[in-house]
């Protein structure tokens, strides 16, 4: 997996330089993007290790192991941010989204490096679908944390329930996009449709206001 580390260094280096140069709010967003990319790199290590230990092949690992590892790893930077800095809710939600964006970006670049561009249309759709899936999972976790985090008695149970939901959603998405034909197109369209519906909902609320 040496190529993964090489990709990470090439992507992270300019972002680190930007973090040192920008003001606080912009710097925070880039730190979350970097956290998402780092989570993706760590997830690859952990998933590969668990797949090797359990004797799971790559296809089954993408359905059974990777979704749980990736969603937990994506949640850890945000949990750390919440527990240590106790930020405003708005900053927490944007942080969750930026972690998801960083994770999806690094994952897409690694997928491109691994599988090439022989089928550009499929790669294009999968890239948007993967990005949308991570954003949907991020929105679900952010919304749950927004309502649950200040209620201490709901915090642990609520976060666990949110993780169970996004892990299952992620696993179903992986099953769909690893198929061919109509199943692949449907699987890629589901998170894209959810993101578009959410944007339309926000647009409607702004217009009503």
Protein backbone atom coordinates (compact mmCIF):
# COMPACT_ATOMS: atom_id res chain seq x y z
CA UNK A 1 0.00 0.00 0.00
CA UNK A 2 2.98 2.31 -0.42
CA UNK A 3 1.21 4.23 -3.18
CA UNK A 4 -1.49 5.25 -0.69
CA UNK A 5 1.08 6.93 1.54
CA UNK A 6 2.57 8.68 -1.48
CA UNK A 7 -0.84 10.01 -2.49
CA UNK A 8 -1.51 11.15 1.07
CA UNK A 9 1.77 13.08 1.26
CA UNK A 10 1.17 14.76 -2.11
CA UNK A 11 -2.34 15.86 -1.13
CA UNK A 12 -1.63 16.73 2.49
CA UNK A 13 1.53 18.79 1.95
CA UNK A 14 -0.11 21.81 0.22
CA UNK A 15 -3.02 21.68 2.66
CA UNK A 16 -0.64 21.81 5.60
CA UNK A 17 1.07 24.84 4.08
CA UNK A 18 -2.33 26.48 3.63
CA UNK A 19 -3.28 25.70 7.25
CA UNK A 20 -0.22 27.60 8.43
CA UNK A 21 -1.05 30.58 6.19
CA UNK A 22 -4.80 31.07 6.62
CA UNK A 23 -6.91 32.70 9.29
CA UNK A 24 -8.64 30.79 12.05
CA UNK A 25 -12.00 29.88 10.44
CA UNK A 26 -10.51 28.84 7.11
CA UNK A 27 -7.73 27.02 8.92
CA UNK A 28 -10.25 25.01 10.92
CA UNK A 29 -12.03 23.85 7.76
CA UNK A 30 -8.76 22.68 6.21
CA UNK A 31 -7.78 20.89 9.41
CA UNK A 32 -11.03 18.94 9.24
CA UNK A 33 -10.39 18.08 5.58
CA UNK A 34 -6.94 16.81 6.57
CA UNK A 35 -8.50 14.87 9.44
CA UNK A 36 -10.85 13.21 6.95
CA UNK A 37 -7.98 12.26 4.66
CA UNK A 38 -5.99 10.92 7.61
CA UNK A 39 -9.01 8.93 8.77
CA UNK A 40 -9.27 7.40 5.30
CA UNK A 41 -5.59 6.39 5.36
CA UNK A 42 -5.93 4.85 8.83
CA UNK A 43 -9.12 3.09 7.78
CA UNK A 44 -7.28 1.44 4.90
CA UNK A 45 -4.67 0.08 7.30
CA UNK A 46 -7.20 -1.15 9.85
CA UNK A 47 -9.54 -2.69 7.28
CA UNK A 48 -6.67 -4.49 5.57
CA UNK A 49 -5.43 -5.81 8.92
CA UNK A 50 -8.87 -7.04 10.00
CA UNK A 51 -9.48 -8.62 6.59
CA UNK A 52 -6.17 -10.47 6.87
CA UNK A 53 -6.83 -11.63 10.43
CA UNK A 54 -10.33 -12.88 9.62
CA UNK A 55 -9.42 -14.29 6.21
CA UNK A 56 -12.00 -12.10 4.45
CA UNK A 57 -11.51 -11.44 0.74
CA UNK A 58 -11.52 -7.90 -0.67
CA UNK A 59 -15.11 -8.01 -1.95
CA UNK A 60 -16.62 -9.19 1.33
CA UNK A 61 -14.36 -6.88 3.34
CA UNK A 62 -15.84 -3.88 1.49
CA UNK A 63 -19.30 -4.98 2.66
CA UNK A 64 -18.59 -6.31 6.14
CA UNK A 65 -15.48 -4.59 7.52
CA UNK A 66 -14.77 -1.32 5.71
CA UNK A 67 -18.12 0.42 6.40
CA UNK A 68 -17.80 -0.02 10.16
CA UNK A 69 -14.13 0.95 10.27
CA UNK A 70 -14.56 3.97 8.01
CA UNK A 71 -17.59 5.44 9.77
CA UNK A 72 -16.02 5.02 13.20
CA UNK A 73 -12.77 6.58 12.01
CA UNK A 74 -14.66 9.51 10.46
CA UNK A 75 -16.47 10.14 13.74
CA UNK A 76 -13.34 10.14 15.94
CA UNK A 77 -11.94 13.58 14.90
CA UNK A 78 -15.31 15.20 15.47
CA UNK A 79 -15.77 13.47 18.85
CA UNK A 80 -12.32 14.70 19.88
CA UNK A 81 -13.21 18.24 18.76
CA UNK A 82 -16.47 18.16 20.72
CA UNK A 83 -14.98 16.78 23.90
CA UNK A 84 -11.85 18.94 24.01
CA UNK A 85 -12.93 22.30 22.55
CA UNK A 86 -16.70 22.29 23.28
CA UNK A 87 -17.46 24.34 20.13
CA UNK A 88 -20.68 25.87 18.88
CA UNK A 89 -23.12 23.51 17.17
CA UNK A 90 -22.74 25.25 13.81
CA UNK A 91 -18.98 24.74 13.85
CA UNK A 92 -19.42 21.09 14.79
CA UNK A 93 -21.80 20.43 11.89
CA UNK A 94 -19.47 22.08 9.39
CA UNK A 95 -16.60 20.07 10.86
CA UNK A 96 -18.44 16.79 10.31
CA UNK A 97 -19.09 17.76 6.70
CA UNK A 98 -15.47 18.73 6.07
CA UNK A 99 -14.21 15.44 7.52
CA UNK A 100 -16.59 13.60 5.18
CA UNK A 101 -15.40 15.64 2.20
CA UNK A 102 -11.74 14.98 3.00
CA UNK A 103 -12.40 11.27 3.44
CA UNK A 104 -14.33 10.98 0.17
CA UNK A 105 -11.71 12.97 -1.76
CA UNK A 106 -8.83 10.78 -0.63
CA UNK A 107 -10.83 7.59 -1.22
CA UNK A 108 -11.74 8.66 -4.76
CA UNK A 109 -8.13 9.50 -5.61
CA UNK A 110 -6.97 6.10 -4.32
CA UNK A 111 -9.73 4.36 -6.29
CA UNK A 112 -8.67 6.20 -9.44
CA UNK A 113 -5.06 5.17 -8.89
CA UNK A 114 -6.03 1.53 -8.31
CA UNK A 115 -8.48 1.03 -11.17
CA UNK A 116 -7.43 3.58 -13.77
CA UNK A 117 -9.72 5.39 -16.21
CA UNK A 118 -10.69 2.61 -18.62
CA UNK A 119 -14.39 3.29 -17.94
CA UNK A 120 -14.50 7.04 -17.41
CA UNK A 121 -18.31 7.31 -17.16
CA UNK A 122 -18.51 4.62 -14.46
CA UNK A 123 -15.64 6.26 -12.60
CA UNK A 124 -17.34 9.65 -12.86
CA UNK A 125 -20.65 8.38 -11.50
CA UNK A 126 -18.99 6.34 -8.77
CA UNK A 127 -16.93 9.33 -7.71
CA UNK A 128 -20.00 11.51 -7.29
CA UNK A 129 -21.90 8.65 -5.66
CA UNK A 130 -19.12 7.96 -3.15
CA UNK A 131 -18.81 11.64 -2.32
CA UNK A 132 -22.56 11.96 -1.85
CA UNK A 133 -22.66 8.81 0.32
CA UNK A 134 -20.01 10.17 2.68
CA UNK A 135 -21.81 13.53 2.80
CA UNK A 136 -25.14 11.84 3.59
CA UNK A 137 -23.51 9.86 6.39
CA UNK A 138 -21.87 13.04 7.64
CA UNK A 139 -25.18 14.92 7.60
CA UNK A 140 -26.87 12.12 9.55
CA UNK A 141 -24.17 12.12 12.22
CA UNK A 142 -24.11 15.94 12.37
CA UNK A 143 -27.88 16.20 12.72
CA UNK A 144 -27.90 13.58 15.46
CA UNK A 145 -25.09 15.23 17.37
CA UNK A 146 -26.85 18.58 17.04
CA UNK A 147 -29.89 17.26 18.92
CA UNK A 148 -28.27 14.70 21.22
CA UNK A 149 -24.93 16.03 22.35
CA UNK A 150 -26.15 18.35 25.10
CA UNK A 151 -28.38 15.64 26.57
CA UNK A 152 -25.80 13.62 28.46
CA UNK A 153 -28.09 10.65 29.07
CA UNK A 154 -28.73 10.35 25.32
CA UNK A 155 -25.20 11.08 24.14
CA UNK A 156 -23.69 7.59 24.25
CA UNK A 157 -26.74 5.69 23.08
CA UNK A 158 -27.55 8.29 20.43
CA UNK A 159 -24.08 8.35 18.90
CA UNK A 160 -24.00 4.54 18.86
CA UNK A 161 -27.38 4.44 17.10
CA UNK A 162 -26.22 7.01 14.54
CA UNK A 163 -23.09 5.01 13.82
CA UNK A 164 -25.16 1.84 13.34
CA UNK A 165 -27.36 3.67 10.83
CA UNK A 166 -24.53 5.14 8.77
CA UNK A 167 -22.55 1.88 8.84
CA UNK A 168 -25.51 -0.02 7.41
CA UNK A 169 -26.18 2.69 4.82
CA UNK A 170 -22.53 2.64 3.83
CA UNK A 171 -22.51 -1.17 3.56
CA UNK A 172 -25.60 -1.20 1.34
CA UNK A 173 -24.05 1.45 -0.89
CA UNK A 174 -20.85 -0.59 -1.24
CA UNK A 175 -22.85 -3.70 -2.16
CA UNK A 176 -24.70 -1.77 -4.88
CA UNK A 177 -21.71 -0.02 -6.45
CA UNK A 178 -19.67 -3.21 -6.58
CA UNK A 179 -22.26 -4.68 -8.95
CA UNK A 180 -22.75 -3.96 -12.63
CA UNK A 181 -25.65 -2.77 -14.76
CA UNK A 182 -28.77 -1.22 -13.25
CA UNK A 183 -27.81 -2.10 -9.67
CA UNK A 184 -24.68 0.04 -9.91
CA UNK A 185 -26.62 3.02 -11.31
CA UNK A 186 -29.34 2.74 -8.67
CA UNK A 187 -26.81 2.46 -5.85
CA UNK A 188 -24.91 5.53 -7.06
CA UNK A 189 -28.12 7.51 -7.53
CA UNK A 190 -29.49 6.94 -4.01
CA UNK A 191 -27.06 9.20 -2.07
CA UNK A 192 -26.99 11.74 -4.91
CA UNK A 193 -30.78 11.97 -4.80
CA UNK A 194 -30.73 12.40 -1.02
CA UNK A 195 -28.20 15.24 -1.23
CA UNK A 196 -30.19 16.99 -3.99
CA UNK A 197 -33.40 16.63 -1.97
CA UNK A 198 -31.67 18.16 1.04
CA UNK A 199 -30.42 21.10 -1.06
CA UNK A 200 -33.93 21.67 -2.44
CA UNK A 201 -35.28 21.60 1.11
CA UNK A 202 -32.74 24.20 2.23
CA UNK A 203 -33.51 26.35 -0.83
CA UNK A 204 -37.22 26.23 0.04
CA UNK A 205 -36.56 27.30 3.61
CA UNK A 206 -34.44 30.25 2.42
CA UNK A 207 -37.14 31.33 -0.04
CA UNK A 208 -39.83 31.14 2.66
CA UNK A 209 -37.69 33.21 5.00
